[in-house]
C-alpha cells in the first residue's frame, strides 16, 4: 500500500524534477528581446523574470498558452510551448538572480 502511494507521489512530482535549466536557457533565446538575456526586462512595461518562482512562471506561461490570460505578444509566443518547454523556461528564469533595487526604475 505504502509503495503504491510513494509511486503515485513520484509520478505526480516527476515533471517538476525533470526541468532542465540549460535547455531553458537555450529555449529562452526568443524571450531575450523583451525580457533581457539575464531575465531583467529591457523595456519598463515588461516584467523581470529573473528570480521568479518556477511554479509562478509555469502557471503564467500556461495561462498564456491556454488562452486563460491574453496578451498580444505573449499569447502567440506561448501557444506552441509544450509542458517540458514551460518547465525548462521556468527553471531557467527561476535560477537567475533577481533584479536589484538599482534596476527598478
N, C-alpha and C. Protein backbone atom coordinates (compact mmCIF):
# COMPACT_ATOMS: atom_id res chain seq x y z
N UNK A 1 0.83 -1.20 0.00
CA UNK A 1 0.00 0.00 0.00
C UNK A 1 0.87 1.26 0.00
N UNK A 2 1.83 1.31 0.93
CA UNK A 2 2.70 2.49 1.01
C UNK A 2 3.55 2.63 -0.25
N UNK A 3 3.94 1.51 -0.81
CA UNK A 3 4.73 1.53 -2.03
C UNK A 3 3.94 2.17 -3.17
N UNK A 4 2.65 1.86 -3.24
CA UNK A 4 1.80 2.42 -4.29
C UNK A 4 1.61 3.92 -4.10
N UNK A 5 1.46 4.34 -2.86
CA UNK A 5 1.31 5.77 -2.57
C UNK A 5 2.59 6.50 -2.95
N UNK A 6 3.73 5.94 -2.60
CA UNK A 6 5.01 6.55 -2.93
C UNK A 6 5.18 6.65 -4.45
N UNK A 7 4.84 5.60 -5.16
CA UNK A 7 4.94 5.63 -6.62
C UNK A 7 4.01 6.68 -7.23
N UNK A 8 2.83 6.81 -6.68
CA UNK A 8 1.89 7.82 -7.17
C UNK A 8 2.45 9.22 -6.93
N UNK A 9 2.98 9.45 -5.74
CA UNK A 9 3.57 10.76 -5.45
C UNK A 9 4.74 11.06 -6.37
N UNK A 10 5.58 10.09 -6.61
CA UNK A 10 6.71 10.30 -7.54
C UNK A 10 6.21 10.61 -8.94
N UNK A 11 5.18 9.94 -9.37
CA UNK A 11 4.62 10.19 -10.70
C UNK A 11 4.07 11.61 -10.81
N UNK A 12 3.52 12.12 -9.74
CA UNK A 12 2.95 13.46 -9.75
C UNK A 12 4.01 14.54 -9.74
N UNK A 13 5.11 14.31 -9.04
CA UNK A 13 6.13 15.36 -8.94
C UNK A 13 7.24 15.20 -9.97
N UNK A 14 7.31 14.07 -10.68
CA UNK A 14 8.38 13.84 -11.64
C UNK A 14 8.53 14.96 -12.66
N UNK A 15 7.45 15.48 -13.26
CA UNK A 15 7.64 16.57 -14.24
C UNK A 15 8.36 17.77 -13.67
N UNK A 16 8.11 18.11 -12.42
CA UNK A 16 8.79 19.24 -11.79
C UNK A 16 10.27 18.93 -11.62
N UNK A 17 10.62 17.68 -11.39
CA UNK A 17 12.02 17.30 -11.21
C UNK A 17 12.76 17.23 -12.53
N UNK A 18 12.06 17.10 -13.62
CA UNK A 18 12.67 16.90 -14.93
C UNK A 18 13.06 18.20 -15.63
N UNK A 19 12.78 19.34 -15.05
CA UNK A 19 13.10 20.61 -15.69
C UNK A 19 14.61 20.74 -15.88
N UNK A 20 15.02 21.28 -17.01
CA UNK A 20 16.42 21.38 -17.39
C UNK A 20 16.77 22.85 -17.59
N UNK A 21 17.59 23.38 -16.70
CA UNK A 21 17.95 24.80 -16.75
C UNK A 21 18.67 25.15 -18.04
N UNK A 22 19.60 24.30 -18.47
CA UNK A 22 20.36 24.59 -19.69
C UNK A 22 19.44 24.58 -20.92
N UNK A 23 18.52 23.64 -20.97
CA UNK A 23 17.55 23.63 -22.07
C UNK A 23 16.70 24.90 -22.01
N UNK A 24 16.34 25.32 -20.81
CA UNK A 24 15.57 26.55 -20.64
C UNK A 24 16.32 27.76 -21.14
N UNK A 25 17.63 27.80 -20.86
CA UNK A 25 18.48 28.91 -21.34
C UNK A 25 18.45 28.96 -22.86
N UNK A 26 18.55 27.81 -23.50
CA UNK A 26 18.53 27.76 -24.95
C UNK A 26 17.17 28.15 -25.51
N UNK A 27 16.11 27.68 -24.88
CA UNK A 27 14.76 27.99 -25.35
C UNK A 27 14.40 29.45 -25.12
N UNK A 28 15.08 30.10 -24.17
CA UNK A 28 14.78 31.50 -23.83
C UNK A 28 15.37 32.48 -24.83
N UNK A 29 16.09 32.01 -25.83
CA UNK A 29 16.72 32.92 -26.80
C UNK A 29 15.71 33.88 -27.41
N UNK A 30 14.52 33.41 -27.67
CA UNK A 30 13.48 34.25 -28.27
C UNK A 30 12.89 35.24 -27.25
N UNK A 31 13.03 34.95 -25.98
CA UNK A 31 12.47 35.79 -24.91
C UNK A 31 13.34 37.02 -24.63
N UNK A 32 14.61 36.94 -25.05
CA UNK A 32 15.59 37.97 -24.73
C UNK A 32 15.19 39.36 -25.22
N UNK A 33 14.53 39.43 -26.35
CA UNK A 33 14.18 40.73 -26.93
C UNK A 33 13.37 41.59 -25.96
N UNK A 34 12.52 40.97 -25.17
CA UNK A 34 11.69 41.73 -24.23
C UNK A 34 12.14 41.57 -22.78
N UNK A 35 12.55 40.36 -22.41
CA UNK A 35 12.85 40.07 -21.01
C UNK A 35 14.33 40.09 -20.68
N UNK A 36 15.18 40.39 -21.65
CA UNK A 36 16.62 40.52 -21.42
C UNK A 36 17.33 39.18 -21.29
N UNK A 37 18.61 39.17 -21.62
CA UNK A 37 19.42 37.95 -21.56
C UNK A 37 19.56 37.43 -20.14
N UNK A 38 19.48 38.33 -19.17
CA UNK A 38 19.62 37.95 -17.77
C UNK A 38 18.27 37.91 -17.05
N UNK A 39 17.18 37.95 -17.82
CA UNK A 39 15.84 37.92 -17.22
C UNK A 39 15.37 39.25 -16.68
N UNK A 40 16.16 40.29 -16.90
CA UNK A 40 15.80 41.65 -16.48
C UNK A 40 15.31 42.38 -17.73
N UNK A 41 14.04 42.77 -17.70
CA UNK A 41 13.39 43.34 -18.88
C UNK A 41 14.13 44.55 -19.42
N UNK A 42 14.19 44.63 -20.73
CA UNK A 42 14.85 45.75 -21.39
C UNK A 42 13.87 46.90 -21.64
N UNK A 43 12.60 46.65 -21.47
CA UNK A 43 11.55 47.66 -21.63
C UNK A 43 10.76 47.71 -20.32
N UNK A 44 10.57 48.89 -19.79
CA UNK A 44 9.96 49.05 -18.46
C UNK A 44 8.58 48.40 -18.33
N UNK A 45 7.84 48.32 -19.41
CA UNK A 45 6.48 47.76 -19.35
C UNK A 45 6.46 46.23 -19.24
N UNK A 46 7.59 45.58 -19.50
CA UNK A 46 7.65 44.11 -19.45
C UNK A 46 8.20 43.67 -18.10
N UNK A 47 7.73 42.54 -17.61
CA UNK A 47 8.19 42.09 -16.28
C UNK A 47 9.58 41.46 -16.31
N UNK A 48 10.27 41.62 -15.19
CA UNK A 48 11.51 40.90 -14.97
C UNK A 48 11.14 39.46 -14.64
N UNK A 49 11.81 38.51 -15.23
CA UNK A 49 11.55 37.09 -14.97
C UNK A 49 12.60 36.48 -14.05
N UNK A 50 13.76 37.09 -13.98
CA UNK A 50 14.85 36.56 -13.17
C UNK A 50 14.44 36.46 -11.70
N UNK A 51 14.67 35.28 -11.13
CA UNK A 51 14.42 35.09 -9.71
C UNK A 51 12.97 34.83 -9.33
N UNK A 52 12.07 34.82 -10.32
CA UNK A 52 10.67 34.49 -10.01
C UNK A 52 10.58 33.01 -9.65
N UNK A 53 9.60 32.65 -8.88
CA UNK A 53 9.41 31.25 -8.53
C UNK A 53 9.01 30.46 -9.78
N UNK A 54 9.60 29.28 -9.92
CA UNK A 54 9.35 28.46 -11.11
C UNK A 54 7.87 28.13 -11.25
N UNK A 55 7.21 27.80 -10.16
CA UNK A 55 5.79 27.43 -10.23
C UNK A 55 4.96 28.61 -10.75
N UNK A 56 5.24 29.82 -10.28
CA UNK A 56 4.53 31.00 -10.77
C UNK A 56 4.73 31.17 -12.26
N UNK A 57 5.98 31.06 -12.71
CA UNK A 57 6.27 31.21 -14.13
C UNK A 57 5.55 30.15 -14.96
N UNK A 58 5.55 28.92 -14.48
CA UNK A 58 4.85 27.85 -15.19
C UNK A 58 3.36 28.17 -15.32
N UNK A 59 2.75 28.59 -14.23
CA UNK A 59 1.32 28.90 -14.27
C UNK A 59 1.03 30.06 -15.21
N UNK A 60 1.87 31.09 -15.18
CA UNK A 60 1.66 32.25 -16.05
C UNK A 60 1.80 31.88 -17.52
N UNK A 61 2.85 31.13 -17.85
CA UNK A 61 3.07 30.75 -19.26
C UNK A 61 1.95 29.84 -19.74
N UNK A 62 1.55 28.89 -18.91
CA UNK A 62 0.44 28.00 -19.29
C UNK A 62 -0.84 28.79 -19.50
N UNK A 63 -1.08 29.80 -18.68
CA UNK A 63 -2.28 30.63 -18.84
C UNK A 63 -2.26 31.36 -20.17
N UNK A 64 -1.10 31.86 -20.59
CA UNK A 64 -0.99 32.48 -21.92
C UNK A 64 -1.21 31.44 -23.00
N UNK A 65 -0.58 30.29 -22.86
CA UNK A 65 -0.68 29.24 -23.87
C UNK A 65 -2.12 28.75 -24.03
N UNK A 66 -2.82 28.60 -22.91
CA UNK A 66 -4.16 28.01 -22.92
C UNK A 66 -5.27 29.04 -23.10
N UNK A 67 -4.91 30.31 -23.26
CA UNK A 67 -5.91 31.35 -23.51
C UNK A 67 -6.61 31.87 -22.27
N UNK A 68 -6.17 31.46 -21.09
CA UNK A 68 -6.77 31.95 -19.85
C UNK A 68 -6.29 33.36 -19.54
N UNK A 69 -5.15 33.70 -20.09
CA UNK A 69 -4.56 35.03 -19.93
C UNK A 69 -4.18 35.46 -21.33
N UNK A 70 -4.49 36.70 -21.67
CA UNK A 70 -4.27 37.15 -23.05
C UNK A 70 -3.32 38.36 -23.09
N UNK A 71 -2.43 38.31 -24.06
CA UNK A 71 -1.51 39.42 -24.30
C UNK A 71 -1.11 39.33 -25.78
N UNK A 72 -1.06 40.45 -26.43
CA UNK A 72 -0.81 40.48 -27.87
C UNK A 72 0.51 39.80 -28.26
N UNK A 73 1.51 39.87 -27.41
CA UNK A 73 2.80 39.25 -27.72
C UNK A 73 2.93 37.88 -27.06
N UNK A 74 2.61 37.80 -25.78
CA UNK A 74 2.85 36.55 -25.04
C UNK A 74 1.94 35.40 -25.46
N UNK A 75 0.71 35.67 -25.77
CA UNK A 75 -0.20 34.58 -26.14
C UNK A 75 0.31 33.81 -27.35
N UNK A 76 0.68 34.49 -28.45
CA UNK A 76 1.21 33.73 -29.59
C UNK A 76 2.56 33.07 -29.29
N UNK A 77 3.39 33.72 -28.48
CA UNK A 77 4.70 33.15 -28.15
C UNK A 77 4.55 31.85 -27.38
N UNK A 78 3.57 31.80 -26.48
CA UNK A 78 3.38 30.63 -25.62
C UNK A 78 2.55 29.54 -26.28
N UNK A 79 1.86 29.86 -27.35
CA UNK A 79 0.90 28.92 -27.93
C UNK A 79 1.51 27.58 -28.36
N UNK A 80 2.74 27.56 -28.76
CA UNK A 80 3.36 26.32 -29.23
C UNK A 80 4.23 25.62 -28.20
N UNK A 81 4.24 26.11 -26.97
CA UNK A 81 5.11 25.52 -25.96
C UNK A 81 4.54 24.24 -25.36
N UNK A 82 5.39 23.26 -25.19
CA UNK A 82 5.00 22.01 -24.54
C UNK A 82 5.15 22.17 -23.02
N UNK A 83 4.66 21.18 -22.29
CA UNK A 83 4.83 21.18 -20.83
C UNK A 83 6.32 21.20 -20.49
N UNK A 84 7.12 20.44 -21.25
CA UNK A 84 8.57 20.39 -20.99
C UNK A 84 9.22 21.73 -21.28
N UNK A 85 8.82 22.39 -22.39
CA UNK A 85 9.35 23.72 -22.71
C UNK A 85 9.08 24.68 -21.55
N UNK A 86 7.86 24.67 -21.05
CA UNK A 86 7.47 25.57 -19.98
C UNK A 86 8.25 25.28 -18.71
N UNK A 87 8.40 24.01 -18.37
CA UNK A 87 9.17 23.64 -17.18
C UNK A 87 10.62 24.09 -17.30
N UNK A 88 11.21 23.91 -18.49
CA UNK A 88 12.60 24.30 -18.71
C UNK A 88 12.77 25.82 -18.62
N UNK A 89 11.89 26.56 -19.27
CA UNK A 89 11.95 28.02 -19.21
C UNK A 89 11.79 28.53 -17.78
N UNK A 90 10.84 27.98 -17.07
CA UNK A 90 10.60 28.40 -15.69
C UNK A 90 11.81 28.10 -14.82
N UNK A 91 12.41 26.93 -14.99
CA UNK A 91 13.60 26.56 -14.21
C UNK A 91 14.76 27.51 -14.51
N UNK A 92 14.92 27.84 -15.77
CA UNK A 92 16.00 28.76 -16.15
C UNK A 92 15.81 30.12 -15.50
N UNK A 93 14.65 30.73 -15.68
CA UNK A 93 14.43 32.07 -15.12
C UNK A 93 14.45 32.06 -13.59
N UNK A 94 13.96 30.99 -12.98
CA UNK A 94 13.99 30.90 -11.51
C UNK A 94 15.44 30.79 -10.99
N UNK A 95 16.34 30.27 -11.82
CA UNK A 95 17.73 30.09 -11.40
C UNK A 95 18.54 31.39 -11.44
N UNK A 96 18.02 32.40 -12.11
CA UNK A 96 18.74 33.66 -12.26
C UNK A 96 18.55 34.55 -11.03
N UNK A 97 19.56 35.36 -10.70
CA UNK A 97 19.39 36.29 -9.58
C UNK A 97 18.39 37.38 -9.95
N UNK A 98 17.52 37.74 -9.00
CA UNK A 98 16.52 38.79 -9.29
C UNK A 98 17.17 40.15 -9.46
N UNK A 99 16.42 41.06 -10.03
CA UNK A 99 16.91 42.43 -10.23
C UNK A 99 17.13 43.10 -8.88
N UNK A 100 18.19 43.88 -8.79
CA UNK A 100 18.45 44.66 -7.58
C UNK A 100 17.64 45.94 -7.62
N UNK A 101 17.70 46.69 -6.56
CA UNK A 101 16.94 47.95 -6.47
C UNK A 101 17.35 48.94 -7.54
N UNK A 102 18.62 48.90 -7.98
CA UNK A 102 19.07 49.86 -8.98
C UNK A 102 18.44 49.61 -10.34
N UNK A 103 17.96 48.38 -10.62
CA UNK A 103 17.37 48.07 -11.90
C UNK A 103 15.91 48.52 -11.98
N UNK A 104 15.28 48.73 -10.85
CA UNK A 104 13.88 49.15 -10.84
C UNK A 104 13.80 50.64 -11.07
N UNK A 105 13.18 51.03 -12.17
CA UNK A 105 13.06 52.47 -12.49
C UNK A 105 11.66 52.79 -12.88
